[in-house]
PDB file of N, CA and C in Angstrom:
ATOM      1  N   MET A   1      41.191 129.783 151.601  1.00  0.00           N
ATOM      2  CA  MET A   1      41.351 130.460 150.575  1.00  0.00           C
ATOM      3  C   MET A   1      39.510 130.427 150.329  1.00  0.00           C
ATOM      4  N   GLN A   2      39.247 131.720 149.341  1.00  0.00           N
ATOM      5  CA  GLN A   2      38.010 132.017 149.493  1.00  0.00           C
ATOM      6  C   GLN A   2      37.700 130.686 147.805  1.00  0.00           C
ATOM      7  N   ILE A   3      36.185 131.063 148.219  1.00  0.00           N
ATOM      8  CA  ILE A   3      35.725 129.634 146.622  1.00  0.00           C
ATOM      9  C   ILE A   3      36.243 130.755 145.251  1.00  0.00           C
ATOM     10  N   GLU A   4      36.180 131.767 144.936  1.00  0.00           N
ATOM     11  CA  GLU A   4      36.033 132.516 143.919  1.00  0.00           C
ATOM     12  C   GLU A   4      37.613 132.405 143.759  1.00  0.00           C
ATOM     13  N   THR A   5      38.370 132.466 144.504  1.00  0.00           N
ATOM     14  CA  THR A   5      40.383 132.396 144.065  1.00  0.00           C
ATOM     15  C   THR A   5      40.126 130.767 143.908  1.00  0.00           C
ATOM     16  N   ILE A   6      40.003 130.400 144.279  1.00  0.00           N
ATOM     17  CA  ILE A   6      39.549 129.263 142.960  1.00  0.00           C
ATOM     18  C   ILE A   6      39.624 128.897 142.174  1.00  0.00           C
ATOM     19  N   TRP A   7      37.426 129.405 142.022  1.00  0.00           N
ATOM     20  CA  TRP A   7      37.330 129.501 140.425  1.00  0.00           C
ATOM     21  C   TRP A   7      38.366 130.138 139.323  1.00  0.00           C
ATOM     22  N   VAL A   8      39.116 130.970 139.960  1.00  0.00           N
ATOM     23  CA  VAL A   8      40.119 131.988 139.106  1.00  0.00           C
ATOM     24  C   VAL A   8      41.277 131.031 138.939  1.00  0.00           C
ATOM     25  N   VAL A   9      41.795 130.228 139.581  1.00  0.00           N
ATOM     26  CA  VAL A   9      42.940 129.509 139.478  1.00  0.00           C
ATOM     27  C   VAL A   9      42.154 127.860 138.362  1.00  0.00           C
ATOM     28  N   LEU A  10      41.558 127.949 138.465  1.00  0.00           N
ATOM     29  CA  LEU A  10      41.139 126.754 137.915  1.00  0.00           C
ATOM     30  C   LEU A  10      41.021 126.994 136.673  1.00  0.00           C
ATOM     31  N   THR A  11      40.381 128.746 136.555  1.00  0.00           N
ATOM     32  CA  THR A  11      39.825 128.842 134.563  1.00  0.00           C
ATOM     33  C   THR A  11      41.195 129.410 134.043  1.00  0.00           C
ATOM     34  N   ALA A  12      42.006 129.677 134.548  1.00  0.00           N
ATOM     35  CA  ALA A  12      43.789 129.914 133.961  1.00  0.00           C
ATOM     36  C   ALA A  12      44.696 128.770 133.739  1.00  0.00           C
ATOM     37  N   VAL A  13      44.266 127.959 134.770  1.00  0.00           N
ATOM     38  CA  VAL A  13      44.700 126.317 133.950  1.00  0.00           C
ATOM     39  C   VAL A  13      43.799 125.935 133.375  1.00  0.00           C
ATOM     40  N   LEU A  14      43.231 126.124 132.934  1.00  0.00           N
ATOM     41  CA  LEU A  14      42.437 125.773 131.739  1.00  0.00           C
ATOM     42  C   LEU A  14      42.622 126.573 130.588  1.00  0.00           C
ATOM     43  N   VAL A  15      42.492 127.189 131.347  1.00  0.00           N
ATOM     44  CA  VAL A  15      42.996 128.237 129.795  1.00  0.00           C
ATOM     45  C   VAL A  15      44.184 128.142 129.159  1.00  0.00           C
ATOM     46  N   LEU A  16      44.979 128.074 130.041  1.00  0.00           N
ATOM     47  CA  LEU A  16      46.320 127.014 129.837  1.00  0.00           C
ATOM     48  C   LEU A  16      46.479 125.898 128.888  1.00  0.00           C
ATOM     49  N   ILE A  17      46.061 125.143 129.777  1.00  0.00           N
ATOM     50  CA  ILE A  17      46.415 124.270 129.124  1.00  0.00           C
ATOM     51  C   ILE A  17      44.810 123.894 127.512  1.00  0.00           C
ATOM     52  N   GLU A  18      44.074 124.806 127.165  1.00  0.00           N
ATOM     53  CA  GLU A  18      43.280 124.674 125.734  1.00  0.00           C
ATOM     54  C   GLU A  18      44.245 125.331 125.091  1.00  0.00           C
ATOM     55  N   LEU A  19      45.592 126.317 125.611  1.00  0.00           N
ATOM     56  CA  LEU A  19      46.125 127.725 124.559  1.00  0.00           C
ATOM     57  C   LEU A  19      47.074 126.411 124.320  1.00  0.00           C
ATOM     58  N   TRP A  20      47.677 125.058 125.029  1.00  0.00           N
ATOM     59  CA  TRP A  20      48.810 123.812 124.669  1.00  0.00           C
ATOM     60  C   TRP A  20      48.285 123.381 123.927  1.00  0.00           C
ATOM     61  N   ALA A  21      47.309 123.311 123.719  1.00  0.00           N
ATOM     62  CA  ALA A  21      45.981 121.984 122.904  1.00  0.00           C
ATOM     63  C   ALA A  21      46.044 122.668 121.883  1.00  0.00           C
ATOM     64  N   ILE A  22      45.154 124.280 121.727  1.00  0.00           N
ATOM     65  CA  ILE A  22      45.334 124.527 120.224  1.00  0.00           C
ATOM     66  C   ILE A  22      46.731 124.896 119.429  1.00  0.00           C
ATOM     67  N   ASN A  23      47.600 124.885 120.894  1.00  0.00           N
ATOM     68  CA  ASN A  23      48.631 124.881 119.666  1.00  0.00           C
ATOM     69  C   ASN A  23      49.572 123.509 119.053  1.00  0.00           C
ATOM     70  N   ARG A  24      49.620 122.600 120.445  1.00  0.00           N
ATOM     71  CA  ARG A  24      49.331 121.114 119.252  1.00  0.00           C
ATOM     72  C   ARG A  24      48.761 120.504 118.070  1.00  0.00           C
ATOM     73  N   VAL A  25      47.217 120.890 117.742  1.00  0.00           N
ATOM     74  CA  VAL A  25      46.281 120.833 117.052  1.00  0.00           C
ATOM     75  C   VAL A  25      47.244 121.613 115.686  1.00  0.00           C
ATOM     76  N   ARG A  26      47.390 122.765 115.803  1.00  0.00           N
ATOM     77  CA  ARG A  26      48.233 123.359 115.023  1.00  0.00           C
ATOM     78  C   ARG A  26      48.967 122.722 114.633  1.00  0.00           C
ATOM     79  N   LYS A  27      49.885 122.256 115.200  1.00  0.00           N
ATOM     80  CA  LYS A  27      51.374 121.620 114.464  1.00  0.00           C
ATOM     81  C   LYS A  27      51.603 120.242 113.924  1.00  0.00           C
ATOM     82  N   ALA A  28      50.279 119.269 114.124  1.00  0.00           N
ATOM     83  CA  ALA A  28      49.725 118.366 114.073  1.00  0.00           C
ATOM     84  C   ALA A  28      49.623 118.436 112.944  1.00  0.00           C
ATOM     85  N   GLU A  29      50.145 116.427 112.455  1.00  0.00           N
ATOM     86  CA  GLU A  29      49.552 116.459 111.008  1.00  0.00           C
ATOM     87  C   GLU A  29      48.033 116.614 110.799  1.00  0.00           C
ATOM     88  N   GLY A  30      47.458 116.861 109.336  1.00  0.00           N
ATOM     89  CA  GLY A  30      46.284 116.256 108.915  1.00  0.00           C
ATOM     90  C   GLY A  30      46.462 117.455 108.213  1.00  0.00           C
ATOM     91  N   LYS A  31      44.739 117.785 107.818  1.00  0.00           N
ATOM     92  CA  LYS A  31      44.311 118.505 107.125  1.00  0.00           C
ATOM     93  C   LYS A  31      43.559 119.780 107.569  1.00  0.00           C
ATOM     94  N   SER A  32      44.009 120.937 107.174  1.00  0.00           N
ATOM     95  CA  SER A  32      43.646 122.195 107.878  1.00  0.00           C
ATOM     96  C   SER A  32      42.302 122.559 108.827  1.00  0.00           C
ATOM     97  N   SER A  33      41.184 121.363 107.427  1.00  0.00           N
ATOM     98  CA  SER A  33      39.421 122.096 108.022  1.00  0.00           C
ATOM     99  C   SER A  33      39.486 120.897 109.489  1.00  0.00           C
ATOM    100  N   ASN A  34      39.743 119.584 109.652  1.00  0.00           N
ATOM    101  CA  ASN A  34      40.569 119.206 110.990  1.00  0.00           C
ATOM    102  C   ASN A  34      40.490 119.561 111.392  1.00  0.00           C
ATOM    103  N   LYS A  35      42.156 120.649 111.514  1.00  0.00           N
ATOM    104  CA  LYS A  35      42.064 120.461 112.559  1.00  0.00           C
ATOM    105  C   LYS A  35      41.770 122.586 113.271  1.00  0.00           C
ATOM    106  N   LEU A  36      40.760 122.684 112.369  1.00  0.00           N
ATOM    107  CA  LEU A  36      40.571 124.121 112.731  1.00  0.00           C
ATOM    108  C   LEU A  36      39.562 123.705 113.650  1.00  0.00           C
ATOM    109  N   VAL A  37      38.557 122.230 113.230  1.00  0.00           N
ATOM    110  CA  VAL A  37      36.911 121.865 113.616  1.00  0.00           C
ATOM    111  C   VAL A  37      37.609 121.657 115.032  1.00  0.00           C
ATOM    112  N   TRP A  38      38.307 121.105 115.281  1.00  0.00           N
ATOM    113  CA  TRP A  38      39.376 120.627 116.975  1.00  0.00           C
ATOM    114  C   TRP A  38      39.586 122.164 117.404  1.00  0.00           C
ATOM    115  N   MET A  39      40.427 123.185 116.875  1.00  0.00           N
ATOM    116  CA  MET A  39      40.771 124.424 118.005  1.00  0.00           C
ATOM    117  C   MET A  39      38.881 124.993 117.870  1.00  0.00           C
ATOM    118  N   VAL A  40      38.175 125.149 117.346  1.00  0.00           N
ATOM    119  CA  VAL A  40      36.360 125.197 117.653  1.00  0.00           C
ATOM    120  C   VAL A  40      36.313 124.168 118.568  1.00  0.00           C
ATOM    121  N   VAL A  41      35.766 123.304 118.242  1.00  0.00           N
ATOM    122  CA  VAL A  41      35.741 122.736 119.876  1.00  0.00           C
ATOM    123  C   VAL A  41      37.096 122.547 120.619  1.00  0.00           C
ATOM    124  N   ILE A  42      37.361 123.212 120.821  1.00  0.00           N
ATOM    125  CA  ILE A  42      38.321 122.874 121.914  1.00  0.00           C
ATOM    126  C   ILE A  42      37.721 124.418 122.584  1.00  0.00           C
ATOM    127  N   VAL A  43      37.750 125.270 122.057  1.00  0.00           N
ATOM    128  CA  VAL A  43      37.768 127.054 122.424  1.00  0.00           C
ATOM    129  C   VAL A  43      36.029 126.402 123.021  1.00  0.00           C
ATOM    130  N   PHE A  44      35.160 126.127 122.764  1.00  0.00           N
ATOM    131  CA  PHE A  44      33.510 126.703 122.377  1.00  0.00           C
ATOM    132  C   PHE A  44      33.415 125.046 123.544  1.00  0.00           C
ATOM    133  N   VAL A  45      34.003 124.574 123.439  1.00  0.00           N
ATOM    134  CA  VAL A  45      33.248 123.550 124.547  1.00  0.00           C
ATOM    135  C   VAL A  45      34.767 122.746 125.313  1.00  0.00           C
ATOM    136  N   PRO A  46      35.226 123.623 126.082  1.00  0.00           N
ATOM    137  CA  PRO A  46      36.484 123.468 127.207  1.00  0.00           C
ATOM    138  C   PRO A  46      36.442 122.215 127.682  1.00  0.00           C
ATOM    139  N   LEU A  47      35.906 121.316 128.714  1.00  0.00           N
ATOM    140  CA  LEU A  47      36.519 120.470 129.094  1.00  0.00           C
ATOM    141  C   LEU A  47      36.633 119.182 127.959  1.00  0.00           C
ATOM    142  N   ILE A  48      34.971 119.463 127.984  1.00  0.00           N
ATOM    143  CA  ILE A  48      34.660 117.761 127.044  1.00  0.00           C
ATOM    144  C   ILE A  48      35.420 117.649 126.337  1.00  0.00           C
ATOM    145  N   GLY A  49      35.714 119.155 125.466  1.00  0.00           N
ATOM    146  CA  GLY A  49      36.638 119.448 123.990  1.00  0.00           C
ATOM    147  C   GLY A  49      38.184 118.752 123.803  1.00  0.00           C
ATOM    148  N   LEU A  50      38.454 118.842 125.397  1.00  0.00           N
ATOM    149  CA  LEU A  50      40.292 118.990 126.014  1.00  0.00           C
ATOM    150  C   LEU A  50      39.613 117.050 125.648  1.00  0.00           C
ATOM    151  N   ILE A  51      39.016 117.079 126.149  1.00  0.00           N
ATOM    152  CA  ILE A  51      39.140 115.477 126.763  1.00  0.00           C
ATOM    153  C   ILE A  51      39.076 114.632 125.463  1.00  0.00           C
ATOM    154  N   ALA A  52      37.915 114.667 124.710  1.00  0.00           N
ATOM    155  CA  ALA A  52      37.383 114.456 123.332  1.00  0.00           C
ATOM    156  C   ALA A  52      38.591 114.705 122.053  1.00  0.00           C
ATOM    157  N   TRP A  53      39.565 115.969 122.326  1.00  0.00           N
ATOM    158  CA  TRP A  53      40.743 116.263 121.894  1.00  0.00           C
ATOM    159  C   TRP A  53      42.322 114.562 122.431  1.00  0.00           C
ATOM    160  N   ALA A  54      42.015 114.872 123.590  1.00  0.00           N
ATOM    161  CA  ALA A  54      43.239 113.960 124.330  1.00  0.00           C
ATOM    162  C   ALA A  54      42.922 112.530 123.838  1.00  0.00           C
ATOM    163  N   LEU A  55      41.932 111.951 122.979  1.00  0.00           N
ATOM    164  CA  LEU A  55      40.952 110.079 123.160  1.00  0.00           C
ATOM    165  C   LEU A  55      40.820 110.916 121.758  1.00  0.00           C
ATOM    166  N   ALA A  56      40.657 111.014 120.789  1.00  0.00           N
ATOM    167  CA  ALA A  56      40.461 110.887 119.473  1.00  0.00           C
ATOM    168  C   ALA A  56      41.339 111.763 118.703  1.00  0.00           C
ATOM    169  N   GLY A  57      42.007 112.640 119.049  1.00  0.00           N
ATOM    170  CA  GLY A  57      42.174 114.727 117.877  1.00  0.00           C
ATOM    171  C   GLY A  57      43.588 113.872 117.440  1.00  0.00           C
ATOM    172  N   PRO A  58      44.056 114.871 116.538  1.00  0.00           N
ATOM    173  CA  PRO A  58      45.421 114.628 115.694  1.00  0.00           C
ATOM    174  C   PRO A  58      46.897 114.454 116.905  1.00  0.00           C
ATOM    175  N   LYS A  59      46.928 113.215 116.118  1.00  0.00           N
ATOM    176  CA  LYS A  59      48.577 113.332 116.816  1.00  0.00           C
ATOM    177  C   LYS A  59      50.111 114.137 116.217  1.00  0.00           C
ATOM    178  N   HIS A  60      50.193 114.191 117.488  1.00  0.00           N
ATOM    179  CA  HIS A  60      51.160 115.570 117.147  1.00  0.00           C
ATOM    180  C   HIS A  60      52.126 114.368 116.733  1.00  0.00           C
ATOM    181  N   ILE A  61      53.429 115.047 116.103  1.00  0.00           N
ATOM    182  CA  ILE A  61      54.052 113.554 115.169  1.00  0.00           C
ATOM    183  C   ILE A  61      55.993 114.387 115.553  1.00  0.00           C
ATOM    184  N   ALA A  62      56.387 113.551 116.593  1.00  0.00           N
ATOM    185  CA  ALA A  62      57.718 114.236 117.670  1.00  0.00           C
ATOM    186  C   ALA A  62      58.701 113.754 116.160  1.00  0.00           C
ATOM    187  N   HIS A  63      59.787 114.522 115.783  1.00  0.00           N
ATOM    188  CA  HIS A  63      60.607 114.652 115.235  1.00  0.00           C
ATOM    189  C   HIS A  63      61.101 114.569 116.419  1.00  0.00           C
ATOM    190  N   ASN A  64      62.572 113.056 115.388  1.00  0.00           N
ATOM    191  CA  ASN A  64      63.476 112.746 116.351  1.00  0.00           C
ATOM    192  C   ASN A  64      64.590 113.386 115.535  1.00  0.00           C
ATOM    193  N   PRO A  65      65.223 113.937 115.837  1.00  0.00           N
ATOM    194  CA  PRO A  65      66.708 113.946 115.450  1.00  0.00           C
ATOM    195  C   PRO A  65      67.177 113.244 114.797  1.00  0.00           C
ATOM    196  N   HIS A  66      67.343 112.025 115.519  1.00  0.00           N
ATOM    197  CA  HIS A  66      68.487 111.177 115.007  1.00  0.00           C
ATOM    198  C   HIS A  66      67.867 109.714 114.275  1.00  0.00           C
ATOM    199  N   SER A  67      66.369 110.092 113.222  1.00  0.00           N
ATOM    200  CA  SER A  67      66.271 109.560 112.598  1.00  0.00           C
ATOM    201  C   SER A  67      66.906 109.676 110.912  1.00  0.00           C
ATOM    202  N   PRO A  68      66.394 109.500 110.654  1.00  0.00           N
ATOM    203  CA  PRO A  68      66.624 109.363 109.013  1.00  0.00           C
ATOM    204  C   PRO A  68      66.411 110.555 108.318  1.00  0.00           C
ATOM    205  N   GLN A  69      65.560 110.169 108.338  1.00  0.00           N
ATOM    206  CA  GLN A  69      64.866 111.277 107.289  1.00  0.00           C
ATOM    207  C   GLN A  69      64.926 112.922 107.620  1.00  0.00           C
ATOM    208  N   THR A  70      65.320 113.363 108.731  1.00  0.00           N
ATOM    209  CA  THR A  70      66.072 114.477 109.366  1.00  0.00           C
ATOM    210  C   THR A  70      67.537 115.083 109.034  1.00  0.00           C
ATOM    211  N   ARG A  71      68.119 114.044 109.333  1.00  0.00           N
ATOM    212  CA  ARG A  71      69.313 113.902 108.581  1.00  0.00           C
ATOM    213  C   ARG A  71      69.380 114.453 106.967  1.00  0.00           C
ATOM    214  N   GLN A  72      71.050 115.567 106.948  1.00  0.00           N
ATOM    215  CA  GLN A  72      70.933 115.773 105.714  1.00  0.00           C
ATOM    216  C   GLN A  72      72.436 115.325 105.299  1.00  0.00           C
TER     217      GLN A  72
END
Protein backbone atom coordinates (compact mmCIF):
# COMPACT_ATOMS: atom_id res chain seq x y z
CA MET A 1 0.00 0.00 0.00
CA GLN A 2 1.36 3.40 -0.90
CA ILE A 3 1.95 6.04 1.73
CA GLU A 4 -0.49 8.41 -0.01
CA THR A 5 -3.27 5.85 0.33
CA ILE A 6 -2.57 5.50 4.03
CA TRP A 7 -2.79 9.28 4.52
CA VAL A 8 -6.06 9.46 2.59
CA VAL A 9 -7.57 6.68 4.72
CA LEU A 10 -6.37 8.29 7.96
CA THR A 11 -7.77 11.65 6.87
CA ALA A 12 -11.13 10.09 6.00
CA VAL A 13 -11.27 8.38 9.41
CA LEU A 14 -10.42 11.65 11.16
CA VAL A 15 -13.17 13.50 9.27
CA LEU A 16 -15.71 10.83 10.21
CA ILE A 17 -14.69 11.04 13.87
CA GLU A 18 -14.95 14.84 13.72
CA LEU A 19 -18.45 14.66 12.28
CA TRP A 20 -19.45 12.20 15.01
CA ALA A 21 -17.98 14.45 17.71
CA ILE A 22 -19.70 17.55 16.32
CA ASN A 23 -23.01 15.70 16.34
CA ARG A 24 -22.42 14.65 19.96
CA VAL A 25 -21.57 18.25 20.93
CA ARG A 26 -24.70 19.49 19.18
CA LYS A 27 -26.89 17.06 21.15
CA ALA A 28 -25.18 17.68 24.51
CA GLU A 29 -26.68 19.61 27.37
CA GLY A 30 -25.25 23.07 27.95
CA LYS A 31 -25.02 26.59 26.60
CA SER A 32 -25.06 27.13 22.87
CA SER A 33 -21.99 29.34 23.10
CA ASN A 34 -19.99 26.57 24.80
CA LYS A 35 -21.07 24.08 22.17
CA LEU A 36 -20.08 26.49 19.39
CA VAL A 37 -16.62 26.91 20.91
CA TRP A 38 -16.15 23.13 21.08
CA MET A 39 -17.25 22.75 17.46
CA VAL A 40 -14.78 25.41 16.31
CA VAL A 41 -11.96 23.77 18.28
CA ILE A 42 -12.79 20.34 16.85
CA VAL A 43 -12.87 21.66 13.29
CA PHE A 44 -9.83 23.94 13.33
CA VAL A 45 -7.54 21.92 15.61
CA PRO A 46 -8.70 18.42 14.67
CA LEU A 47 -6.63 15.91 16.61
CA ILE A 48 -5.90 18.03 19.68
CA GLY A 49 -9.46 19.36 19.66
CA LEU A 50 -10.93 15.84 19.63
CA ILE A 51 -8.69 14.76 22.49
CA ALA A 52 -9.53 17.88 24.53
CA TRP A 53 -13.25 17.41 23.88
CA ALA A 54 -13.07 13.73 24.88
CA LEU A 55 -11.40 14.65 28.16
CA ALA A 56 -13.21 17.86 29.14
CA GLY A 57 -16.02 18.57 26.71
CA PRO A 58 -19.76 18.62 27.23
CA LYS A 59 -21.16 15.24 28.10
CA HIS A 60 -23.95 13.65 26.09
CA ILE A 61 -27.01 12.82 28.14
CA ALA A 62 -28.28 9.39 27.21
CA HIS A 63 -32.03 9.16 27.53
CA ASN A 64 -33.00 5.91 29.20
CA PRO A 65 -36.38 4.77 27.85
CA HIS A 66 -37.12 3.09 31.20
CA SER A 67 -36.49 6.17 33.34
CA PRO A 68 -39.54 7.69 35.04
CA GLN A 69 -38.90 11.09 33.44
CA THR A 70 -39.58 9.89 29.89
CA ARG A 71 -42.70 7.89 30.64
CA GLN A 72 -46.03 9.46 29.83
